N, C-alpha and C. Protein backbone atom coordinates (compact mmCIF):
# COMPACT_ATOMS: atom_id res chain seq x y z
N MET A 1 0.83 -1.21 0.00
CA MET A 1 0.00 0.00 0.00
C MET A 1 0.86 1.26 0.00
N SER A 2 1.98 1.21 -0.69
CA SER A 2 2.80 2.42 -0.82
C SER A 2 2.08 3.41 -1.73
N PRO A 3 2.34 4.71 -1.60
CA PRO A 3 1.68 5.70 -2.45
C PRO A 3 1.79 5.39 -3.94
N LYS A 4 2.98 5.00 -4.39
CA LYS A 4 3.19 4.71 -5.81
C LYS A 4 2.30 3.56 -6.26
N ARG A 5 2.23 2.51 -5.48
CA ARG A 5 1.42 1.35 -5.85
C ARG A 5 -0.07 1.66 -5.75
N VAL A 6 -0.46 2.45 -4.79
CA VAL A 6 -1.86 2.84 -4.66
C VAL A 6 -2.31 3.61 -5.91
N ILE A 7 -1.52 4.60 -6.31
CA ILE A 7 -1.88 5.41 -7.48
C ILE A 7 -1.89 4.56 -8.75
N GLU A 8 -0.91 3.70 -8.91
CA GLU A 8 -0.87 2.82 -10.09
C GLU A 8 -2.09 1.92 -10.14
N THR A 9 -2.53 1.41 -8.99
CA THR A 9 -3.70 0.55 -8.95
C THR A 9 -4.97 1.33 -9.26
N CYS A 10 -5.06 2.55 -8.76
CA CYS A 10 -6.22 3.39 -9.07
C CYS A 10 -6.35 3.63 -10.57
N LEU A 11 -5.23 3.85 -11.22
CA LEU A 11 -5.24 4.11 -12.66
C LEU A 11 -5.64 2.85 -13.43
N VAL A 12 -5.13 1.70 -13.01
CA VAL A 12 -5.51 0.44 -13.66
C VAL A 12 -7.01 0.20 -13.54
N LYS A 13 -7.58 0.60 -12.40
CA LYS A 13 -9.01 0.39 -12.16
C LYS A 13 -9.86 1.56 -12.64
N ASP A 14 -9.23 2.49 -13.36
CA ASP A 14 -9.92 3.58 -14.05
C ASP A 14 -10.70 4.49 -13.09
N LEU A 15 -10.13 4.76 -11.94
CA LEU A 15 -10.75 5.70 -11.00
C LEU A 15 -10.36 7.13 -11.38
N ASP A 16 -11.24 8.07 -11.08
CA ASP A 16 -10.98 9.48 -11.35
C ASP A 16 -10.49 10.23 -10.12
N ILE A 17 -10.93 9.79 -8.94
CA ILE A 17 -10.62 10.47 -7.69
C ILE A 17 -10.26 9.42 -6.64
N VAL A 18 -9.23 9.71 -5.86
CA VAL A 18 -8.92 8.88 -4.71
C VAL A 18 -8.59 9.80 -3.54
N ALA A 19 -9.08 9.45 -2.37
CA ALA A 19 -8.73 10.19 -1.15
C ALA A 19 -7.75 9.33 -0.35
N ILE A 20 -6.60 9.89 -0.04
CA ILE A 20 -5.60 9.19 0.76
C ILE A 20 -5.86 9.53 2.23
N CYS A 21 -6.33 8.53 2.98
CA CYS A 21 -6.78 8.78 4.36
C CYS A 21 -6.17 7.77 5.32
N ASP A 22 -4.92 7.99 5.67
CA ASP A 22 -4.28 7.14 6.67
C ASP A 22 -4.82 7.47 8.06
N HIS A 23 -4.53 6.60 9.01
CA HIS A 23 -5.10 6.72 10.34
C HIS A 23 -4.34 7.74 11.18
N ASN A 24 -5.02 8.84 11.50
CA ASN A 24 -4.46 9.89 12.36
C ASN A 24 -3.16 10.50 11.80
N SER A 25 -2.96 10.42 10.49
CA SER A 25 -1.72 10.93 9.91
C SER A 25 -1.92 11.20 8.42
N ALA A 26 -1.08 12.09 7.89
CA ALA A 26 -1.10 12.38 6.44
C ALA A 26 0.31 12.41 5.89
N GLU A 27 1.22 11.66 6.51
CA GLU A 27 2.63 11.71 6.15
C GLU A 27 2.90 11.31 4.69
N ASN A 28 2.07 10.42 4.13
CA ASN A 28 2.32 9.92 2.79
C ASN A 28 1.43 10.55 1.72
N VAL A 29 0.70 11.59 2.09
CA VAL A 29 -0.15 12.27 1.11
C VAL A 29 0.67 12.96 0.03
N ARG A 30 1.72 13.63 0.41
CA ARG A 30 2.54 14.35 -0.57
C ARG A 30 3.08 13.40 -1.63
N ALA A 31 3.56 12.22 -1.24
CA ALA A 31 4.08 11.27 -2.21
C ALA A 31 3.01 10.83 -3.19
N ALA A 32 1.78 10.60 -2.70
CA ALA A 32 0.68 10.20 -3.57
C ALA A 32 0.34 11.30 -4.57
N ILE A 33 0.33 12.54 -4.10
CA ILE A 33 0.06 13.68 -4.99
C ILE A 33 1.13 13.76 -6.07
N ASP A 34 2.39 13.59 -5.68
CA ASP A 34 3.49 13.68 -6.64
C ASP A 34 3.42 12.58 -7.68
N VAL A 35 3.07 11.36 -7.27
CA VAL A 35 2.97 10.25 -8.21
C VAL A 35 1.87 10.50 -9.23
N ALA A 36 0.76 11.07 -8.79
CA ALA A 36 -0.41 11.25 -9.65
C ALA A 36 -0.35 12.54 -10.47
N ARG A 37 0.67 13.35 -10.29
CA ARG A 37 0.68 14.70 -10.86
C ARG A 37 0.47 14.73 -12.37
N GLU A 38 1.07 13.83 -13.10
CA GLU A 38 0.97 13.84 -14.57
C GLU A 38 -0.08 12.86 -15.09
N THR A 39 -1.01 12.46 -14.24
CA THR A 39 -2.05 11.51 -14.64
C THR A 39 -3.41 12.18 -14.57
N LYS A 40 -4.45 11.46 -14.94
CA LYS A 40 -5.82 11.98 -14.87
C LYS A 40 -6.39 11.87 -13.45
N LEU A 41 -5.70 11.17 -12.57
CA LEU A 41 -6.23 10.89 -11.23
C LEU A 41 -6.09 12.09 -10.31
N GLN A 42 -7.19 12.47 -9.67
CA GLN A 42 -7.17 13.56 -8.69
C GLN A 42 -7.02 12.98 -7.29
N VAL A 43 -5.97 13.40 -6.59
CA VAL A 43 -5.74 12.95 -5.22
C VAL A 43 -6.28 13.98 -4.25
N ILE A 44 -7.19 13.57 -3.39
CA ILE A 44 -7.71 14.45 -2.34
C ILE A 44 -6.94 14.16 -1.05
N PRO A 45 -6.27 15.16 -0.50
CA PRO A 45 -5.56 14.95 0.77
C PRO A 45 -6.56 14.67 1.89
N GLY A 46 -6.29 13.64 2.66
CA GLY A 46 -7.25 13.32 3.71
C GLY A 46 -6.62 12.62 4.90
N MET A 47 -7.49 12.22 5.79
CA MET A 47 -7.06 11.53 7.00
C MET A 47 -8.29 10.85 7.60
N GLU A 48 -8.08 9.70 8.23
CA GLU A 48 -9.16 9.08 9.00
C GLU A 48 -8.81 9.26 10.47
N ILE A 49 -9.59 10.09 11.14
CA ILE A 49 -9.29 10.49 12.51
C ILE A 49 -10.13 9.68 13.49
N SER A 50 -9.49 9.21 14.54
CA SER A 50 -10.21 8.50 15.60
C SER A 50 -10.44 9.45 16.77
N SER A 51 -11.69 9.72 17.07
CA SER A 51 -12.02 10.63 18.16
C SER A 51 -11.80 9.96 19.52
N ALA A 52 -11.97 10.73 20.58
CA ALA A 52 -11.82 10.18 21.92
C ALA A 52 -12.82 9.07 22.20
N GLU A 53 -13.97 9.12 21.52
CA GLU A 53 -14.99 8.08 21.67
C GLU A 53 -14.72 6.87 20.76
N GLU A 54 -13.59 6.93 20.04
CA GLU A 54 -13.21 5.92 19.06
C GLU A 54 -14.18 5.87 17.89
N VAL A 55 -14.70 7.04 17.54
CA VAL A 55 -15.49 7.21 16.33
C VAL A 55 -14.54 7.62 15.21
N HIS A 56 -14.60 6.94 14.09
CA HIS A 56 -13.73 7.27 12.96
C HIS A 56 -14.42 8.28 12.05
N ILE A 57 -13.71 9.37 11.78
CA ILE A 57 -14.21 10.44 10.93
C ILE A 57 -13.23 10.66 9.77
N ILE A 58 -13.73 10.61 8.55
CA ILE A 58 -12.91 10.90 7.37
C ILE A 58 -12.84 12.41 7.19
N ALA A 59 -11.63 12.90 7.04
CA ALA A 59 -11.41 14.31 6.73
C ALA A 59 -10.93 14.42 5.30
N LEU A 60 -11.71 15.07 4.44
CA LEU A 60 -11.29 15.36 3.07
C LEU A 60 -10.93 16.84 3.01
N MET A 61 -9.69 17.13 2.68
CA MET A 61 -9.18 18.49 2.80
C MET A 61 -8.95 19.14 1.44
N PRO A 62 -9.03 20.48 1.37
CA PRO A 62 -8.93 21.18 0.09
C PRO A 62 -7.54 21.17 -0.53
N ASP A 63 -6.49 21.05 0.27
CA ASP A 63 -5.14 21.06 -0.27
C ASP A 63 -4.16 20.48 0.73
N TYR A 64 -2.92 20.37 0.31
CA TYR A 64 -1.89 19.75 1.14
C TYR A 64 -1.64 20.56 2.42
N GLU A 65 -1.63 21.88 2.28
CA GLU A 65 -1.37 22.72 3.46
C GLU A 65 -2.45 22.52 4.52
N ALA A 66 -3.69 22.37 4.08
CA ALA A 66 -4.79 22.18 5.04
C ALA A 66 -4.67 20.86 5.77
N VAL A 67 -4.30 19.80 5.05
CA VAL A 67 -4.21 18.50 5.71
C VAL A 67 -3.00 18.46 6.64
N MET A 68 -1.93 19.18 6.31
CA MET A 68 -0.78 19.24 7.20
C MET A 68 -1.10 20.02 8.48
N SER A 69 -1.89 21.08 8.34
CA SER A 69 -2.33 21.83 9.51
C SER A 69 -3.19 20.94 10.41
N LEU A 70 -4.07 20.16 9.78
CA LEU A 70 -4.90 19.23 10.55
C LEU A 70 -4.04 18.18 11.23
N GLN A 71 -3.05 17.68 10.52
CA GLN A 71 -2.16 16.67 11.11
C GLN A 71 -1.43 17.22 12.32
N ASP A 72 -0.95 18.46 12.24
CA ASP A 72 -0.25 19.06 13.38
C ASP A 72 -1.15 19.08 14.61
N MET A 73 -2.42 19.44 14.41
CA MET A 73 -3.36 19.48 15.52
C MET A 73 -3.64 18.08 16.07
N ILE A 74 -3.77 17.10 15.18
CA ILE A 74 -4.00 15.72 15.61
C ILE A 74 -2.81 15.19 16.39
N TYR A 75 -1.60 15.45 15.90
CA TYR A 75 -0.40 14.98 16.60
C TYR A 75 -0.30 15.56 18.01
N GLU A 76 -0.77 16.77 18.18
CA GLU A 76 -0.75 17.39 19.51
C GLU A 76 -1.75 16.73 20.46
N ASN A 77 -2.69 15.98 19.89
CA ASN A 77 -3.76 15.40 20.71
C ASN A 77 -3.83 13.88 20.60
N LEU A 78 -2.73 13.25 20.19
CA LEU A 78 -2.69 11.79 20.16
C LEU A 78 -2.55 11.22 21.57
N THR A 79 -3.06 10.02 21.75
CA THR A 79 -2.83 9.31 23.00
C THR A 79 -1.32 9.12 23.18
N PRO A 80 -0.77 9.46 24.34
CA PRO A 80 0.68 9.31 24.54
C PRO A 80 1.11 7.86 24.35
N GLY A 81 2.30 7.70 23.82
CA GLY A 81 2.84 6.36 23.61
C GLY A 81 3.56 6.26 22.30
N GLU A 82 4.26 5.16 22.10
CA GLU A 82 5.03 4.93 20.88
C GLU A 82 4.56 3.67 20.21
N ASN A 83 4.56 3.66 18.89
CA ASN A 83 4.13 2.50 18.13
C ASN A 83 5.01 1.29 18.43
N ASP A 84 4.38 0.15 18.70
CA ASP A 84 5.09 -1.10 18.90
C ASP A 84 5.11 -1.84 17.57
N GLU A 85 6.23 -1.78 16.87
CA GLU A 85 6.31 -2.36 15.53
C GLU A 85 6.13 -3.87 15.53
N SER A 86 6.44 -4.53 16.63
CA SER A 86 6.27 -5.98 16.69
C SER A 86 4.81 -6.37 16.72
N ILE A 87 3.94 -5.45 17.11
CA ILE A 87 2.49 -5.71 17.18
C ILE A 87 1.77 -5.08 16.00
N PHE A 88 2.04 -3.80 15.75
CA PHE A 88 1.27 -3.03 14.76
C PHE A 88 1.99 -2.85 13.42
N GLY A 89 3.24 -3.25 13.35
CA GLY A 89 3.98 -3.09 12.11
C GLY A 89 4.65 -1.73 12.01
N GLU A 90 5.49 -1.58 11.00
CA GLU A 90 6.19 -0.33 10.78
C GLU A 90 5.27 0.72 10.16
N GLN A 91 5.46 1.96 10.55
CA GLN A 91 4.72 3.09 9.97
C GLN A 91 5.70 3.87 9.12
N ILE A 92 5.76 3.48 7.84
CA ILE A 92 6.82 3.94 6.95
C ILE A 92 6.41 5.21 6.21
N ILE A 93 7.33 6.15 6.10
CA ILE A 93 7.14 7.37 5.32
C ILE A 93 8.03 7.25 4.08
N VAL A 94 7.42 7.38 2.89
CA VAL A 94 8.18 7.21 1.65
C VAL A 94 7.98 8.42 0.74
N ASN A 95 8.77 8.46 -0.32
CA ASN A 95 8.59 9.49 -1.35
C ASN A 95 7.89 8.89 -2.56
N GLU A 96 7.78 9.68 -3.63
CA GLU A 96 7.04 9.22 -4.80
C GLU A 96 7.70 8.05 -5.53
N LEU A 97 8.94 7.76 -5.20
CA LEU A 97 9.67 6.63 -5.81
C LEU A 97 9.64 5.40 -4.91
N ASP A 98 8.89 5.46 -3.84
CA ASP A 98 8.81 4.38 -2.85
C ASP A 98 10.10 4.21 -2.06
N GLU A 99 10.90 5.25 -2.04
CA GLU A 99 12.12 5.22 -1.24
C GLU A 99 11.77 5.63 0.19
N ILE A 100 12.24 4.86 1.15
CA ILE A 100 11.92 5.13 2.55
C ILE A 100 12.65 6.37 3.03
N GLU A 101 11.89 7.30 3.60
CA GLU A 101 12.47 8.54 4.11
C GLU A 101 12.43 8.62 5.63
N GLY A 102 11.66 7.73 6.25
CA GLY A 102 11.60 7.74 7.71
C GLY A 102 10.53 6.81 8.23
N TYR A 103 10.41 6.79 9.54
CA TYR A 103 9.43 5.96 10.23
C TYR A 103 8.67 6.81 11.24
N ASN A 104 7.37 6.69 11.24
CA ASN A 104 6.56 7.42 12.20
C ASN A 104 6.44 6.58 13.47
N LYS A 105 6.93 7.08 14.57
CA LYS A 105 6.95 6.33 15.82
C LYS A 105 5.74 6.62 16.71
N ARG A 106 4.86 7.51 16.26
CA ARG A 106 3.69 7.84 17.08
C ARG A 106 2.72 6.67 17.14
N LEU A 107 1.86 6.68 18.15
CA LEU A 107 0.88 5.61 18.34
C LEU A 107 -0.36 5.95 17.52
N LEU A 108 -0.24 5.81 16.19
CA LEU A 108 -1.29 6.25 15.28
C LEU A 108 -2.55 5.39 15.35
N ILE A 109 -2.43 4.16 15.81
CA ILE A 109 -3.57 3.27 15.84
C ILE A 109 -4.56 3.63 16.95
N SER A 110 -4.11 4.43 17.91
CA SER A 110 -4.95 4.74 19.06
C SER A 110 -5.92 5.88 18.77
N ALA A 111 -6.85 6.09 19.68
CA ALA A 111 -7.76 7.22 19.59
C ALA A 111 -7.03 8.50 19.97
N THR A 112 -7.53 9.61 19.45
CA THR A 112 -7.03 10.91 19.88
C THR A 112 -7.73 11.31 21.18
N LEU A 113 -7.34 12.44 21.72
CA LEU A 113 -7.97 12.97 22.92
C LEU A 113 -9.12 13.92 22.59
N LEU A 114 -9.48 14.02 21.33
CA LEU A 114 -10.47 14.99 20.87
C LEU A 114 -11.86 14.38 20.77
N PRO A 115 -12.88 15.00 21.37
CA PRO A 115 -14.25 14.51 21.16
C PRO A 115 -14.65 14.67 19.71
N VAL A 116 -15.62 13.87 19.28
CA VAL A 116 -15.98 13.85 17.85
C VAL A 116 -16.45 15.22 17.38
N SER A 117 -17.12 15.98 18.22
CA SER A 117 -17.58 17.32 17.82
C SER A 117 -16.40 18.23 17.52
N LYS A 118 -15.32 18.12 18.31
CA LYS A 118 -14.12 18.91 18.09
C LYS A 118 -13.43 18.50 16.80
N VAL A 119 -13.39 17.20 16.52
CA VAL A 119 -12.79 16.71 15.29
C VAL A 119 -13.49 17.31 14.07
N VAL A 120 -14.81 17.26 14.07
CA VAL A 120 -15.58 17.80 12.94
C VAL A 120 -15.35 19.29 12.80
N ASN A 121 -15.35 20.01 13.91
CA ASN A 121 -15.14 21.47 13.85
C ASN A 121 -13.75 21.83 13.33
N GLU A 122 -12.74 21.07 13.72
CA GLU A 122 -11.38 21.34 13.26
C GLU A 122 -11.24 21.09 11.76
N ILE A 123 -11.93 20.07 11.27
CA ILE A 123 -11.92 19.80 9.83
C ILE A 123 -12.57 20.95 9.08
N HIS A 124 -13.75 21.37 9.54
CA HIS A 124 -14.48 22.45 8.88
C HIS A 124 -13.72 23.77 8.94
N SER A 125 -13.04 24.03 10.03
CA SER A 125 -12.33 25.30 10.17
C SER A 125 -11.19 25.44 9.17
N ARG A 126 -10.77 24.31 8.59
CA ARG A 126 -9.70 24.32 7.59
C ARG A 126 -10.25 24.10 6.18
N GLY A 127 -11.57 24.23 6.03
CA GLY A 127 -12.18 24.12 4.71
C GLY A 127 -12.43 22.72 4.22
N GLY A 128 -12.40 21.74 5.13
CA GLY A 128 -12.57 20.35 4.73
C GLY A 128 -13.98 19.83 4.90
N LEU A 129 -14.18 18.60 4.44
CA LEU A 129 -15.45 17.88 4.60
C LEU A 129 -15.26 16.81 5.66
N ALA A 130 -16.25 16.65 6.52
CA ALA A 130 -16.21 15.65 7.59
C ALA A 130 -17.26 14.57 7.32
N ILE A 131 -16.80 13.34 7.13
CA ILE A 131 -17.67 12.23 6.79
C ILE A 131 -17.51 11.13 7.83
N ALA A 132 -18.60 10.67 8.42
CA ALA A 132 -18.55 9.59 9.40
C ALA A 132 -18.23 8.28 8.69
N SER A 133 -17.18 7.60 9.13
CA SER A 133 -16.71 6.39 8.46
C SER A 133 -17.60 5.18 8.74
N HIS A 134 -17.72 4.32 7.72
CA HIS A 134 -18.36 3.00 7.83
C HIS A 134 -19.40 2.92 8.95
N VAL A 135 -20.47 3.70 8.81
CA VAL A 135 -21.47 3.81 9.88
C VAL A 135 -22.23 2.51 10.11
N ASP A 136 -22.14 1.56 9.19
CA ASP A 136 -22.84 0.29 9.34
C ASP A 136 -22.06 -0.72 10.18
N ARG A 137 -20.83 -0.41 10.54
CA ARG A 137 -20.03 -1.35 11.32
C ARG A 137 -20.32 -1.22 12.82
N GLU A 138 -20.07 -2.31 13.53
CA GLU A 138 -20.35 -2.32 14.97
C GLU A 138 -19.28 -1.59 15.77
N VAL A 139 -18.07 -1.52 15.26
CA VAL A 139 -16.98 -0.86 16.00
C VAL A 139 -16.41 0.27 15.17
N TYR A 140 -15.92 1.29 15.86
CA TYR A 140 -15.26 2.44 15.27
C TYR A 140 -16.17 3.25 14.34
N SER A 141 -17.47 3.07 14.48
CA SER A 141 -18.42 3.89 13.73
C SER A 141 -19.18 4.76 14.72
N ILE A 142 -19.78 5.83 14.21
CA ILE A 142 -20.47 6.75 15.12
C ILE A 142 -21.69 6.09 15.75
N ILE A 143 -22.38 5.24 14.98
CA ILE A 143 -23.55 4.54 15.53
C ILE A 143 -23.09 3.43 16.47
N GLY A 144 -22.05 2.71 16.08
CA GLY A 144 -21.56 1.63 16.92
C GLY A 144 -21.00 2.10 18.25
N GLN A 145 -20.33 3.26 18.24
CA GLN A 145 -19.69 3.76 19.46
C GLN A 145 -20.65 4.58 20.33
N LEU A 146 -21.49 5.39 19.70
CA LEU A 146 -22.39 6.26 20.47
C LEU A 146 -23.81 5.72 20.56
N GLY A 147 -24.18 4.89 19.58
CA GLY A 147 -25.54 4.36 19.54
C GLY A 147 -26.49 5.23 18.73
N PHE A 148 -26.02 6.39 18.29
CA PHE A 148 -26.85 7.32 17.53
C PHE A 148 -25.96 8.36 16.88
N ILE A 149 -26.54 9.17 16.00
CA ILE A 149 -25.82 10.29 15.39
C ILE A 149 -26.34 11.57 16.03
N PRO A 150 -25.51 12.30 16.77
CA PRO A 150 -25.97 13.54 17.42
C PRO A 150 -26.58 14.50 16.41
N GLU A 151 -27.75 15.04 16.73
CA GLU A 151 -28.46 15.92 15.80
C GLU A 151 -27.70 17.20 15.50
N ASN A 152 -26.91 17.67 16.44
CA ASN A 152 -26.20 18.94 16.26
C ASN A 152 -24.79 18.76 15.70
N LEU A 153 -24.46 17.55 15.26
CA LEU A 153 -23.13 17.30 14.71
C LEU A 153 -23.18 17.55 13.19
N PRO A 154 -22.48 18.57 12.70
CA PRO A 154 -22.61 18.97 11.29
C PRO A 154 -21.79 18.11 10.32
N LEU A 155 -22.15 16.86 10.20
CA LEU A 155 -21.47 15.97 9.27
C LEU A 155 -21.87 16.30 7.84
N ASP A 156 -20.93 16.16 6.92
CA ASP A 156 -21.21 16.44 5.51
C ASP A 156 -21.77 15.22 4.80
N ALA A 157 -21.50 14.03 5.32
CA ALA A 157 -22.01 12.81 4.72
C ALA A 157 -21.70 11.64 5.66
N LEU A 158 -22.29 10.50 5.32
CA LEU A 158 -22.00 9.25 6.01
C LEU A 158 -21.46 8.25 4.99
N GLU A 159 -20.51 7.44 5.42
CA GLU A 159 -19.95 6.42 4.54
C GLU A 159 -20.52 5.05 4.90
N ILE A 160 -20.98 4.33 3.87
CA ILE A 160 -21.41 2.95 4.03
C ILE A 160 -20.26 2.07 3.60
N SER A 161 -19.93 1.04 4.36
CA SER A 161 -18.80 0.18 4.02
C SER A 161 -19.13 -0.71 2.83
N SER A 162 -18.10 -1.30 2.26
CA SER A 162 -18.27 -2.16 1.09
C SER A 162 -18.96 -3.48 1.42
N SER A 163 -19.11 -3.78 2.71
CA SER A 163 -19.73 -5.05 3.11
C SER A 163 -21.25 -4.95 3.24
N THR A 164 -21.79 -3.74 3.03
CA THR A 164 -23.23 -3.52 3.18
C THR A 164 -23.78 -2.77 1.97
N THR A 165 -24.94 -3.17 1.48
CA THR A 165 -25.56 -2.42 0.39
C THR A 165 -26.29 -1.22 0.95
N LEU A 166 -26.57 -0.26 0.09
CA LEU A 166 -27.28 0.94 0.53
C LEU A 166 -28.65 0.60 1.10
N SER A 167 -29.37 -0.29 0.45
CA SER A 167 -30.70 -0.66 0.92
C SER A 167 -30.63 -1.38 2.26
N GLN A 168 -29.62 -2.22 2.44
CA GLN A 168 -29.45 -2.90 3.72
C GLN A 168 -29.15 -1.91 4.84
N ALA A 169 -28.28 -0.96 4.55
CA ALA A 169 -27.91 0.04 5.55
C ALA A 169 -29.10 0.89 5.95
N LYS A 170 -29.91 1.31 4.98
CA LYS A 170 -31.10 2.12 5.28
C LYS A 170 -32.11 1.34 6.10
N ALA A 171 -32.22 0.05 5.84
CA ALA A 171 -33.16 -0.78 6.60
C ALA A 171 -32.71 -0.96 8.04
N ARG A 172 -31.41 -1.10 8.24
CA ARG A 172 -30.87 -1.31 9.59
C ARG A 172 -30.83 -0.02 10.39
N PHE A 173 -30.54 1.10 9.70
CA PHE A 173 -30.36 2.38 10.38
C PHE A 173 -31.20 3.44 9.68
N PRO A 174 -32.49 3.50 9.95
CA PRO A 174 -33.39 4.44 9.24
C PRO A 174 -32.95 5.90 9.33
N ASP A 175 -32.30 6.28 10.42
CA ASP A 175 -31.92 7.68 10.62
C ASP A 175 -30.89 8.17 9.61
N ILE A 176 -30.16 7.26 8.97
CA ILE A 176 -29.12 7.70 8.04
C ILE A 176 -29.71 8.30 6.77
N LYS A 177 -30.99 8.08 6.52
CA LYS A 177 -31.62 8.61 5.32
C LYS A 177 -31.60 10.15 5.29
N ALA A 178 -31.40 10.76 6.44
CA ALA A 178 -31.39 12.22 6.51
C ALA A 178 -30.06 12.82 6.04
N TYR A 179 -29.08 11.96 5.74
CA TYR A 179 -27.74 12.44 5.38
C TYR A 179 -27.37 12.01 3.96
N PRO A 180 -26.48 12.76 3.31
CA PRO A 180 -25.90 12.25 2.06
C PRO A 180 -25.11 10.98 2.37
N LEU A 181 -25.23 9.98 1.51
CA LEU A 181 -24.58 8.70 1.73
C LEU A 181 -23.61 8.39 0.60
N ILE A 182 -22.41 7.95 0.97
CA ILE A 182 -21.43 7.54 -0.02
C ILE A 182 -20.92 6.15 0.34
N SER A 183 -20.25 5.53 -0.59
CA SER A 183 -19.58 4.26 -0.35
C SER A 183 -18.17 4.36 -0.89
N SER A 184 -17.22 3.79 -0.16
CA SER A 184 -15.83 3.77 -0.64
C SER A 184 -15.17 2.48 -0.17
N SER A 185 -14.01 2.19 -0.73
CA SER A 185 -13.40 0.87 -0.49
C SER A 185 -12.76 0.74 0.89
N ASP A 186 -12.36 1.87 1.50
CA ASP A 186 -11.63 1.80 2.78
C ASP A 186 -10.52 0.77 2.66
N ALA A 187 -9.80 0.82 1.55
CA ALA A 187 -8.85 -0.23 1.21
C ALA A 187 -7.62 -0.23 2.12
N HIS A 188 -7.29 -1.40 2.65
CA HIS A 188 -6.06 -1.61 3.39
C HIS A 188 -5.09 -2.49 2.60
N TYR A 189 -5.57 -3.01 1.47
CA TYR A 189 -4.76 -3.84 0.59
C TYR A 189 -5.02 -3.39 -0.85
N LEU A 190 -4.03 -3.55 -1.71
CA LEU A 190 -4.15 -3.07 -3.09
C LEU A 190 -5.35 -3.67 -3.80
N ASP A 191 -5.60 -4.95 -3.58
CA ASP A 191 -6.71 -5.62 -4.27
C ASP A 191 -8.07 -5.04 -3.90
N ASP A 192 -8.14 -4.38 -2.74
CA ASP A 192 -9.42 -3.82 -2.29
C ASP A 192 -9.71 -2.44 -2.86
N ILE A 193 -8.73 -1.82 -3.48
CA ILE A 193 -8.95 -0.49 -4.07
C ILE A 193 -10.01 -0.59 -5.16
N GLY A 194 -11.01 0.25 -5.09
CA GLY A 194 -12.09 0.23 -6.07
C GLY A 194 -13.13 -0.83 -5.81
N LYS A 195 -13.00 -1.57 -4.71
CA LYS A 195 -13.99 -2.61 -4.37
C LYS A 195 -15.37 -2.01 -4.22
N SER A 196 -15.41 -0.80 -3.70
CA SER A 196 -16.66 -0.05 -3.58
C SER A 196 -16.35 1.40 -3.92
N THR A 197 -17.21 2.02 -4.73
CA THR A 197 -16.97 3.39 -5.17
C THR A 197 -18.26 4.20 -5.11
N SER A 198 -18.13 5.49 -5.27
CA SER A 198 -19.28 6.40 -5.42
C SER A 198 -19.11 7.16 -6.72
N GLN A 199 -20.22 7.43 -7.37
CA GLN A 199 -20.20 8.20 -8.61
C GLN A 199 -20.90 9.53 -8.38
N PHE A 200 -20.31 10.60 -8.92
CA PHE A 200 -20.84 11.93 -8.72
C PHE A 200 -21.05 12.63 -10.05
N ASN A 201 -22.08 13.44 -10.13
CA ASN A 201 -22.30 14.31 -11.28
C ASN A 201 -21.68 15.66 -10.94
N VAL A 202 -20.45 15.89 -11.44
CA VAL A 202 -19.71 17.12 -11.13
C VAL A 202 -19.03 17.63 -12.38
N GLU A 203 -18.58 18.88 -12.35
CA GLU A 203 -17.88 19.46 -13.49
C GLU A 203 -16.41 19.05 -13.54
N ASN A 204 -15.82 18.85 -12.37
CA ASN A 204 -14.43 18.43 -12.30
C ASN A 204 -14.19 17.71 -10.97
N PRO A 205 -13.13 16.93 -10.87
CA PRO A 205 -12.88 16.13 -9.66
C PRO A 205 -12.21 16.92 -8.54
N SER A 206 -12.89 17.93 -8.03
CA SER A 206 -12.33 18.76 -6.96
C SER A 206 -13.18 18.62 -5.69
N LEU A 207 -12.59 19.02 -4.58
CA LEU A 207 -13.31 18.94 -3.32
C LEU A 207 -14.52 19.87 -3.32
N GLY A 208 -14.38 21.05 -3.93
CA GLY A 208 -15.50 21.98 -4.01
C GLY A 208 -16.68 21.39 -4.76
N GLU A 209 -16.39 20.68 -5.86
CA GLU A 209 -17.45 20.04 -6.63
C GLU A 209 -18.09 18.89 -5.84
N LEU A 210 -17.27 18.13 -5.12
CA LEU A 210 -17.81 17.05 -4.30
C LEU A 210 -18.71 17.60 -3.20
N SER A 211 -18.32 18.73 -2.64
CA SER A 211 -19.14 19.36 -1.61
C SER A 211 -20.52 19.73 -2.17
N LYS A 212 -20.53 20.28 -3.38
CA LYS A 212 -21.80 20.63 -4.02
C LYS A 212 -22.63 19.38 -4.29
N ALA A 213 -21.97 18.30 -4.71
CA ALA A 213 -22.68 17.06 -5.00
C ALA A 213 -23.32 16.48 -3.74
N LEU A 214 -22.61 16.56 -2.62
CA LEU A 214 -23.16 16.05 -1.36
C LEU A 214 -24.37 16.88 -0.93
N LYS A 215 -24.34 18.17 -1.24
CA LYS A 215 -25.47 19.05 -0.88
C LYS A 215 -26.57 19.02 -1.93
N GLY A 216 -26.26 18.50 -3.13
CA GLY A 216 -27.24 18.47 -4.21
C GLY A 216 -27.58 19.84 -4.74
N VAL A 217 -26.57 20.70 -4.91
CA VAL A 217 -26.81 22.06 -5.38
C VAL A 217 -26.14 22.29 -6.73
N ASP A 218 -26.60 23.31 -7.44
CA ASP A 218 -26.02 23.74 -8.72
C ASP A 218 -25.93 22.60 -9.73
N GLY A 219 -26.88 21.69 -9.69
CA GLY A 219 -26.92 20.60 -10.63
C GLY A 219 -25.99 19.45 -10.32
N ARG A 220 -25.20 19.55 -9.26
CA ARG A 220 -24.31 18.47 -8.86
C ARG A 220 -25.09 17.49 -7.99
N SER A 221 -24.66 16.23 -8.03
CA SER A 221 -25.41 15.22 -7.27
C SER A 221 -24.59 13.95 -7.09
N ILE A 222 -25.03 13.14 -6.15
CA ILE A 222 -24.51 11.78 -6.01
C ILE A 222 -25.32 10.91 -6.98
N VAL A 223 -24.64 10.27 -7.92
CA VAL A 223 -25.33 9.47 -8.92
C VAL A 223 -25.58 8.06 -8.41
N ALA A 224 -24.52 7.45 -7.83
CA ALA A 224 -24.65 6.06 -7.36
C ALA A 224 -23.56 5.78 -6.34
């Protein structure tokens, strides 16, 4: 799952947009952007943030500077500790050539100290979109961890995992019908990239256009 291999796989599977969303970090976003620079693939800088309640929130950010600012804030609020490579594996930082440039020693697998409301607000304050991850799962989802979706939490969308169909998710969780719904692969292995996708009616593959599609404004929409 190196940036170079991720981008190459996206191109083979004819994807137009990919969001790079590592757990509580964006160290490899720059490499992915650099690999995709001369291709048709649009890379959205992102992160999957674990709140203090262990709710996973996808942050889709407008540019590299915004995701780095978000990362700085997340790093300041990580659970103290160091990654145990014998248990969780190495957290490798590479460049666009897949050359190793360093290792992240932070405990990225853990929850942050930030409540989910703070996570969403920090994403929005930097111009990003906040999407609740895999809401149909029993663990690390907002419904699984809290039992409900807070009415005053300004989420931009909800993500349905690749293991559940849209109709199944709506039947199990009727309240999700009030939100824009997307599906994505949440890929942890190359073969899973593109396993589940969302299609949008937009003018170009930008975060601004995706935001309009989620809101259903100016003729933009979620197609499937």
